[in-house]
Amino acid sequence: MPSSTTALQRLGALLETPAAAGDGYLDLLGTANQAGPPTGLTQRLMRTTLLPLVYEQYWRPALGRALKGPFGPSMAGEIRLATKLLELQPGYTVLDVACGTGRFTRAFGSAVSPDGLAIGLDGARGMLAKAVAEGGPDTVAHLRADAVRLPLKTSTVDGVCCFAALHMFAEPETALDSFARVLKPGGRIVLLTSARRGWQPARIAESVGGLLSGQKMFDRGEIAASLQARGFTKITERYAGVTQIVAGRLG
């Protein structure tokens, strides 16, 4: 069922500018296909009508396993880990950036129930349509908006999650600035993104793969350093294959 009216109203109150009502979500992008310049094939696939239909059950788990290797967490494991690292509690407001079809957002909505708010933000209409159709707790609301320059007011959320998306942003450093801006002091962030290995043959192959797919290959330790430079503390890093999960606390 669509996001509850109450959750959408609460979301609207957190925005810097009023948003139009979409089909069960709020929309700040209007007729634009996406926010910001395209970065490559992988990002363009996210805007197709077919991918949202298979994303949650097939595409994301299969791609994640290929990138994380045999010992990385499953998608369900990612959700459990993200919820734990964000230290979500009832009443919290949490932002799921590049939420796709909303599987993480729904889990976060349950974690912050009964009076919290889980916001699923994405730029793709098809992804949000599927997320809305999947339903979820009445603490969930969806927003079509720019994931790099977040439209939320400063210091409004307790947690920010961005899994499998930062490496597809044209301006990842700007996105990290935005994530830090919307977090309350003491708020937590958790990111899953690319992690290029140091062994030169693998490094070259991974860099080429990133160029072909339009994804930035971050170095190991690079995201942790970026968070530290923005005032994050208690930073943790977990590596699996060519991925990293990095978490921290603001202040």
Foldseek 3Di string as FASTA:
>chain_A
DAQDPVLQVVVQVFFPDGFPDDDRATEDPPPDQFPDDFQFDVVVVLQDLPCLVCVPPHVVQVVVCVQQDPPDDGPVRVLVVQCVLQVAAAAFEEEEFQCFLPPSQQVSQVRNPDHHAREYEHQHPNRPVNNRVVPHHSRYHYYHDHLLQDRGAFQAGQEYEYEAPLQRDPCSLSNLVNRLRNHHAFGKYKYKYFEADDPVVSNVVVCVVCNNGSGHHDHVPPVVVSVVVQQWPPWDWDGGRGMIMIMTTHD
